Amino acid sequence: MLFLPVLAGFASGISLIVVIGAQNAFVLRTGLRREHVFPVVVICALSDAVLIFAGVAGVGAIVRVAPVALDIVRWGGAAFLVGYAVFAARRALKPSRLDAAEVTAMPLVAAVLGCLALTWLNPHVYLDTLVLLGSLAATQGADGRWLFGVGATLASVAWFSLLGFGARFLAPVFARPLAWRVLDGAIALLMLTLGVLLVVGG
């Protein structure tokens, strides 16, 4: 039955992506401020799709035998996360409020580059997509593995769309500066923790 590998891929993909992480925090904040939500969601989903199908094709085997590649990404990702934590902490100290009529604070280029960095400078994304999902896809057989990849990609599209476009329903909560202070403070702590864990856990 063709839908079974797709369902398995969707379930595996959603279980890996629905976690508190740097990328999800960025998409959530973008959605709350309604800043370039569509391109950010597209970049996240397309990036996942590329990595998932690369894993299905067997690229994960190369990652396992070339750990130096992950080391480079790990140090670069750690530096970026710590830097992002500093900016989030500064925002927490000077909180804003959510105003639908306000001028967009973040330029499109900055949003795109930030999204790309948080996606491609995270070594865990390679382990999750190339290695883990790639290995799980291999258990579905020669034909089923590609359907598994389709299911995992659909999970990514569904999650980032929900996170980015659904965040606007939280707008009343974030009309208060205190809510932004809590969110940015939590993001700063999360980014700093992830950056430190990348270094110590490597």
C-alpha atoms as a PDB file:
ATOM      1  CA  MET A   1       0.000   0.000   0.000  1.00  0.00           C
ATOM      2  CA  LEU A   2       1.574   3.224  -1.215  1.00  0.00           C
ATOM      3  CA  PHE A   3       0.264   5.433   1.571  1.00  0.00           C
ATOM      4  CA  LEU A   4       1.988   3.422   4.325  1.00  0.00           C
ATOM      5  CA  PRO A   5       5.561   4.622   3.516  1.00  0.00           C
ATOM      6  CA  VAL A   6       4.199   8.184   3.167  1.00  0.00           C
ATOM      7  CA  LEU A   7       2.475   7.886   6.543  1.00  0.00           C
ATOM      8  CA  ALA A   8       5.637   6.448   8.123  1.00  0.00           C
ATOM      9  CA  GLY A   9       7.680   9.300   6.681  1.00  0.00           C
ATOM     10  CA  PHE A  10       5.206  11.908   7.908  1.00  0.00           C
ATOM     11  CA  ALA A  11       5.149  10.439  11.426  1.00  0.00           C
ATOM     12  CA  SER A  12       8.953  10.200  11.578  1.00  0.00           C
ATOM     13  CA  GLY A  13       9.427  13.699  10.186  1.00  0.00           C
ATOM     14  CA  ILE A  14       6.922  15.353  12.508  1.00  0.00           C
ATOM     15  CA  SER A  15       8.389  13.607  15.555  1.00  0.00           C
ATOM     16  CA  LEU A  16      11.814  15.065  14.775  1.00  0.00           C
ATOM     17  CA  ILE A  17      10.772  18.564  13.753  1.00  0.00           C
ATOM     18  CA  VAL A  18       8.286  19.400  16.527  1.00  0.00           C
ATOM     19  CA  VAL A  19      10.894  20.235  19.132  1.00  0.00           C
ATOM     20  CA  ILE A  20      12.038  23.434  20.778  1.00  0.00           C
ATOM     21  CA  GLY A  21      14.931  24.530  18.614  1.00  0.00           C
ATOM     22  CA  ALA A  22      16.641  27.580  17.146  1.00  0.00           C
ATOM     23  CA  GLN A  23      14.934  27.303  13.757  1.00  0.00           C
ATOM     24  CA  ASN A  24      11.447  26.890  15.217  1.00  0.00           C
ATOM     25  CA  ALA A  25      11.979  29.845  17.560  1.00  0.00           C
ATOM     26  CA  PHE A  26      13.013  32.011  14.602  1.00  0.00           C
ATOM     27  CA  VAL A  27       9.963  30.992  12.543  1.00  0.00           C
ATOM     28  CA  LEU A  28       7.667  31.615  15.520  1.00  0.00           C
ATOM     29  CA  ARG A  29       9.028  35.116  16.101  1.00  0.00           C
ATOM     30  CA  THR A  30       8.796  35.895  12.389  1.00  0.00           C
ATOM     31  CA  GLY A  31       5.187  34.730  12.363  1.00  0.00           C
ATOM     32  CA  LEU A  32       4.296  36.771  15.429  1.00  0.00           C
ATOM     33  CA  ARG A  33       5.690  39.948  13.875  1.00  0.00           C
ATOM     34  CA  ARG A  34       4.313  39.001  10.431  1.00  0.00           C
ATOM     35  CA  GLU A  35       7.707  39.711   8.892  1.00  0.00           C
ATOM     36  CA  HIS A  36       8.448  37.863   5.632  1.00  0.00           C
ATOM     37  CA  VAL A  37       6.572  34.774   6.845  1.00  0.00           C
ATOM     38  CA  PHE A  38       6.094  33.228   3.391  1.00  0.00           C
ATOM     39  CA  PRO A  39       9.785  33.293   2.305  1.00  0.00           C
ATOM     40  CA  VAL A  40      10.911  32.063   5.732  1.00  0.00           C
ATOM     41  CA  VAL A  41       8.467  29.136   5.663  1.00  0.00           C
ATOM     42  CA  VAL A  42       9.462  28.298   2.070  1.00  0.00           C
ATOM     43  CA  ILE A  43      13.191  28.370   2.893  1.00  0.00           C
ATOM     44  CA  CYS A  44      12.735  26.089   5.913  1.00  0.00           C
ATOM     45  CA  ALA A  45      10.541  23.620   4.038  1.00  0.00           C
ATOM     46  CA  LEU A  46      12.727  23.564   0.909  1.00  0.00           C
ATOM     47  CA  SER A  47      15.900  23.149   2.969  1.00  0.00           C
ATOM     48  CA  ASP A  48      14.356  20.204   4.786  1.00  0.00           C
ATOM     49  CA  ALA A  49      13.200  18.706   1.485  1.00  0.00           C
ATOM     50  CA  VAL A  50      16.714  18.915   0.007  1.00  0.00           C
ATOM     51  CA  LEU A  51      18.267  17.323   3.087  1.00  0.00           C
ATOM     52  CA  ILE A  52      15.581  14.658   3.443  1.00  0.00           C
ATOM     53  CA  PHE A  53      15.872  13.474  -0.150  1.00  0.00           C
ATOM     54  CA  ALA A  54      19.660  13.622   0.055  1.00  0.00           C
ATOM     55  CA  GLY A  55      19.376  11.317   3.060  1.00  0.00           C
ATOM     56  CA  VAL A  56      16.996   9.033   1.149  1.00  0.00           C
ATOM     57  CA  ALA A  57      19.532   8.932  -1.694  1.00  0.00           C
ATOM     58  CA  GLY A  58      22.212   7.749   0.735  1.00  0.00           C
ATOM     59  CA  VAL A  59      24.243  10.902   1.394  1.00  0.00           C
ATOM     60  CA  GLY A  60      24.025  10.164   5.119  1.00  0.00           C
ATOM     61  CA  ALA A  61      26.671   7.489   4.652  1.00  0.00           C
ATOM     62  CA  ILE A  62      29.145  10.162   3.542  1.00  0.00           C
ATOM     63  CA  VAL A  63      28.382  12.239   6.642  1.00  0.00           C
ATOM     64  CA  ARG A  64      29.088   9.243   8.877  1.00  0.00           C
ATOM     65  CA  VAL A  65      32.535   8.672   7.348  1.00  0.00           C
ATOM     66  CA  ALA A  66      33.462  12.375   7.183  1.00  0.00           C
ATOM     67  CA  PRO A  67      32.835  13.734  10.701  1.00  0.00           C
ATOM     68  CA  VAL A  68      35.137  16.704  10.036  1.00  0.00           C
ATOM     69  CA  ALA A  69      32.329  18.252   7.954  1.00  0.00           C
ATOM     70  CA  LEU A  70      30.030  18.184  10.968  1.00  0.00           C
ATOM     71  CA  ASP A  71      32.780  19.645  13.143  1.00  0.00           C
ATOM     72  CA  ILE A  72      33.073  22.671  10.849  1.00  0.00           C
ATOM     73  CA  VAL A  73      29.315  23.174  10.909  1.00  0.00           C
ATOM     74  CA  ARG A  74      29.252  22.660  14.673  1.00  0.00           C
ATOM     75  CA  TRP A  75      31.718  25.466  15.443  1.00  0.00           C
ATOM     76  CA  GLY A  76      30.168  27.826  12.918  1.00  0.00           C
ATOM     77  CA  GLY A  77      26.709  27.081  14.242  1.00  0.00           C
ATOM     78  CA  ALA A  78      27.800  27.599  17.851  1.00  0.00           C
ATOM     79  CA  ALA A  79      29.258  31.032  17.035  1.00  0.00           C
ATOM     80  CA  PHE A  80      26.105  32.069  15.196  1.00  0.00           C
ATOM     81  CA  LEU A  81      23.779  30.866  17.973  1.00  0.00           C
ATOM     82  CA  VAL A  82      25.700  32.715  20.682  1.00  0.00           C
ATOM     83  CA  GLY A  83      25.659  35.884  18.573  1.00  0.00           C
ATOM     84  CA  TYR A  84      21.918  35.514  17.996  1.00  0.00           C
ATOM     85  CA  ALA A  85      21.437  34.992  21.743  1.00  0.00           C
ATOM     86  CA  VAL A  86      23.124  38.333  22.420  1.00  0.00           C
ATOM     87  CA  PHE A  87      20.754  40.164  20.038  1.00  0.00           C
ATOM     88  CA  ALA A  88      17.725  38.413  21.535  1.00  0.00           C
ATOM     89  CA  ALA A  89      18.873  39.375  25.036  1.00  0.00           C
ATOM     90  CA  ARG A  90      19.199  43.016  23.944  1.00  0.00           C
ATOM     91  CA  ARG A  91      15.637  42.897  22.567  1.00  0.00           C
ATOM     92  CA  ALA A  92      14.433  41.444  25.876  1.00  0.00           C
ATOM     93  CA  LEU A  93      15.940  44.390  27.728  1.00  0.00           C
ATOM     94  CA  LYS A  94      14.175  46.836  25.401  1.00  0.00           C
ATOM     95  CA  PRO A  95      10.894  45.086  24.610  1.00  0.00           C
ATOM     96  CA  SER A  96       8.521  46.268  21.914  1.00  0.00           C
ATOM     97  CA  ARG A  97       4.840  45.559  21.458  1.00  0.00           C
ATOM     98  CA  LEU A  98       3.034  43.874  18.603  1.00  0.00           C
ATOM     99  CA  ASP A  99       1.407  46.427  16.312  1.00  0.00           C
ATOM    100  CA  ALA A 100       0.053  45.214  13.000  1.00  0.00           C
ATOM    101  CA  ALA A 101       0.493  48.687  11.548  1.00  0.00           C
ATOM    102  CA  GLU A 102       4.126  49.081  12.539  1.00  0.00           C
ATOM    103  CA  VAL A 103       6.853  49.253   9.918  1.00  0.00           C
ATOM    104  CA  THR A 104       8.616  45.942   9.386  1.00  0.00           C
ATOM    105  CA  ALA A 105      11.769  46.032  11.491  1.00  0.00           C
ATOM    106  CA  MET A 106      13.711  43.228   9.820  1.00  0.00           C
ATOM    107  CA  PRO A 107      14.738  43.594   6.154  1.00  0.00           C
ATOM    108  CA  LEU A 108      13.972  40.662   3.856  1.00  0.00           C
ATOM    109  CA  VAL A 109      17.680  39.953   3.297  1.00  0.00           C
ATOM    110  CA  ALA A 110      18.308  39.741   7.054  1.00  0.00           C
ATOM    111  CA  ALA A 111      15.336  37.393   7.514  1.00  0.00           C
ATOM    112  CA  VAL A 112      16.485  35.145   4.665  1.00  0.00           C
ATOM    113  CA  LEU A 113      20.111  35.025   5.815  1.00  0.00           C
ATOM    114  CA  GLY A 114      19.099  34.404   9.429  1.00  0.00           C
ATOM    115  CA  CYS A 115      16.790  31.601   8.389  1.00  0.00           C
ATOM    116  CA  LEU A 116      19.447  29.997   6.171  1.00  0.00           C
ATOM    117  CA  ALA A 117      22.067  30.226   8.926  1.00  0.00           C
ATOM    118  CA  LEU A 118      19.802  28.726  11.588  1.00  0.00           C
ATOM    119  CA  THR A 119      18.959  25.899   9.194  1.00  0.00           C
ATOM    120  CA  TRP A 120      22.277  25.031   7.552  1.00  0.00           C
ATOM    121  CA  LEU A 121      24.640  25.819  10.454  1.00  0.00           C
ATOM    122  CA  ASN A 122      22.898  23.344  12.743  1.00  0.00           C
ATOM    123  CA  PRO A 123      24.681  19.964  12.735  1.00  0.00           C
ATOM    124  CA  HIS A 124      21.634  18.306  14.299  1.00  0.00           C
ATOM    125  CA  VAL A 125      19.620  18.953  11.153  1.00  0.00           C
ATOM    126  CA  TYR A 126      22.116  16.842   9.196  1.00  0.00           C
ATOM    127  CA  LEU A 127      21.953  14.028  11.722  1.00  0.00           C
ATOM    128  CA  ASP A 128      18.141  14.117  11.770  1.00  0.00           C
ATOM    129  CA  THR A 129      17.589  14.322   8.005  1.00  0.00           C
ATOM    130  CA  LEU A 130      20.613  12.817   6.265  1.00  0.00           C
ATOM    131  CA  VAL A 131      21.417  10.104   8.785  1.00  0.00           C
ATOM    132  CA  LEU A 132      18.314   9.268  10.825  1.00  0.00           C
ATOM    133  CA  LEU A 133      15.555   9.824   8.261  1.00  0.00           C
ATOM    134  CA  GLY A 134      17.823   8.411   5.553  1.00  0.00           C
ATOM    135  CA  SER A 135      18.331   5.241   7.568  1.00  0.00           C
ATOM    136  CA  LEU A 136      14.611   4.912   8.305  1.00  0.00           C
ATOM    137  CA  ALA A 137      13.801   5.428   4.627  1.00  0.00           C
ATOM    138  CA  ALA A 138      16.144   2.583   3.689  1.00  0.00           C
ATOM    139  CA  THR A 139      13.928   0.170   5.638  1.00  0.00           C
ATOM    140  CA  GLN A 140      11.027   0.918   3.265  1.00  0.00           C
ATOM    141  CA  GLY A 141      12.632  -0.768   0.267  1.00  0.00           C
ATOM    142  CA  ALA A 142      13.835   0.611  -3.059  1.00  0.00           C
ATOM    143  CA  ASP A 143      10.520   2.204  -4.046  1.00  0.00           C
ATOM    144  CA  GLY A 144       9.053   2.889  -0.621  1.00  0.00           C
ATOM    145  CA  ARG A 145      12.003   4.983   0.537  1.00  0.00           C
ATOM    146  CA  TRP A 146      11.130   7.799  -1.879  1.00  0.00           C
ATOM    147  CA  LEU A 147       7.523   7.781  -0.688  1.00  0.00           C
ATOM    148  CA  PHE A 148       8.892   7.890   2.863  1.00  0.00           C
ATOM    149  CA  GLY A 149      10.835  11.012   1.841  1.00  0.00           C
ATOM    150  CA  VAL A 150       7.655  12.564   0.444  1.00  0.00           C
ATOM    151  CA  GLY A 151       5.883  11.938   3.763  1.00  0.00           C
ATOM    152  CA  ALA A 152       8.731  13.458   5.794  1.00  0.00           C
ATOM    153  CA  THR A 153       8.776  16.499   3.489  1.00  0.00           C
ATOM    154  CA  LEU A 154       5.007  16.961   3.863  1.00  0.00           C
ATOM    155  CA  ALA A 155       5.487  16.928   7.639  1.00  0.00           C
ATOM    156  CA  SER A 156       8.041  19.714   7.333  1.00  0.00           C
ATOM    157  CA  VAL A 157       5.788  21.814   5.078  1.00  0.00           C
ATOM    158  CA  ALA A 158       2.803  21.333   7.397  1.00  0.00           C
ATOM    159  CA  TRP A 159       4.743  22.184  10.565  1.00  0.00           C
ATOM    160  CA  PHE A 160       6.483  25.324   9.304  1.00  0.00           C
ATOM    161  CA  SER A 161       3.253  26.591   7.712  1.00  0.00           C
ATOM    162  CA  LEU A 162       1.390  26.069  10.979  1.00  0.00           C
ATOM    163  CA  LEU A 163       4.146  27.684  13.021  1.00  0.00           C
ATOM    164  CA  GLY A 164       4.662  30.667  10.722  1.00  0.00           C
ATOM    165  CA  PHE A 165       1.117  31.486   9.627  1.00  0.00           C
ATOM    166  CA  GLY A 166      -0.613  30.248  12.784  1.00  0.00           C
ATOM    167  CA  ALA A 167       1.483  32.466  15.065  1.00  0.00           C
ATOM    168  CA  ARG A 168      -0.707  35.480  14.207  1.00  0.00           C
ATOM    169  CA  PHE A 169      -3.478  34.048  16.368  1.00  0.00           C
ATOM    170  CA  LEU A 170      -1.253  34.779  19.355  1.00  0.00           C
ATOM    171  CA  ALA A 171      -1.176  38.481  18.406  1.00  0.00           C
ATOM    172  CA  PRO A 172      -3.423  39.634  21.306  1.00  0.00           C
ATOM    173  CA  VAL A 173      -1.009  38.078  23.813  1.00  0.00           C
ATOM    174  CA  PHE A 174       1.998  39.780  22.236  1.00  0.00           C
ATOM    175  CA  ALA A 175       0.350  43.204  22.183  1.00  0.00           C
ATOM    176  CA  ARG A 176       2.001  43.642  25.578  1.00  0.00           C
ATOM    177  CA  PRO A 177       5.741  44.451  25.893  1.00  0.00           C
ATOM    178  CA  LEU A 178       6.073  41.960  28.763  1.00  0.00           C
ATOM    179  CA  ALA A 179       5.132  39.076  26.444  1.00  0.00           C
ATOM    180  CA  TRP A 180       7.902  40.062  24.011  1.00  0.00           C
ATOM    181  CA  ARG A 181      10.352  40.363  26.902  1.00  0.00           C
ATOM    182  CA  VAL A 182       9.527  36.820  28.016  1.00  0.00           C
ATOM    183  CA  LEU A 183       9.711  35.445  24.444  1.00  0.00           C
ATOM    184  CA  ASP A 184      13.006  37.141  23.585  1.00  0.00           C
ATOM    185  CA  GLY A 185      14.469  36.203  26.956  1.00  0.00           C
ATOM    186  CA  ALA A 186      13.508  32.568  26.372  1.00  0.00           C
ATOM    187  CA  ILE A 187      14.944  32.690  22.833  1.00  0.00           C
ATOM    188  CA  ALA A 188      18.210  34.183  24.140  1.00  0.00           C
ATOM    189  CA  LEU A 189      18.507  31.440  26.749  1.00  0.00           C
ATOM    190  CA  LEU A 190      17.644  28.747  24.208  1.00  0.00           C
ATOM    191  CA  MET A 191      20.151  29.981  21.613  1.00  0.00           C
ATOM    192  CA  LEU A 192      22.919  30.350  24.187  1.00  0.00           C
ATOM    193  CA  THR A 193      22.238  26.867  25.598  1.00  0.00           C
ATOM    194  CA  LEU A 194      22.211  25.278  22.138  1.00  0.00           C
ATOM    195  CA  GLY A 195      25.424  27.081  21.197  1.00  0.00           C
ATOM    196  CA  VAL A 196      27.204  25.881  24.332  1.00  0.00           C
ATOM    197  CA  LEU A 197      25.880  22.330  23.890  1.00  0.00           C
ATOM    198  CA  LEU A 198      27.182  22.254  20.315  1.00  0.00           C
ATOM    199  CA  VAL A 199      30.686  22.948  21.595  1.00  0.00           C
ATOM    200  CA  VAL A 200      30.692  20.803  24.735  1.00  0.00           C
ATOM    201  CA  GLY A 201      28.630  18.010  23.272  1.00  0.00           C
ATOM    202  CA  GLY A 202      30.824  17.661  20.214  1.00  0.00           C
END
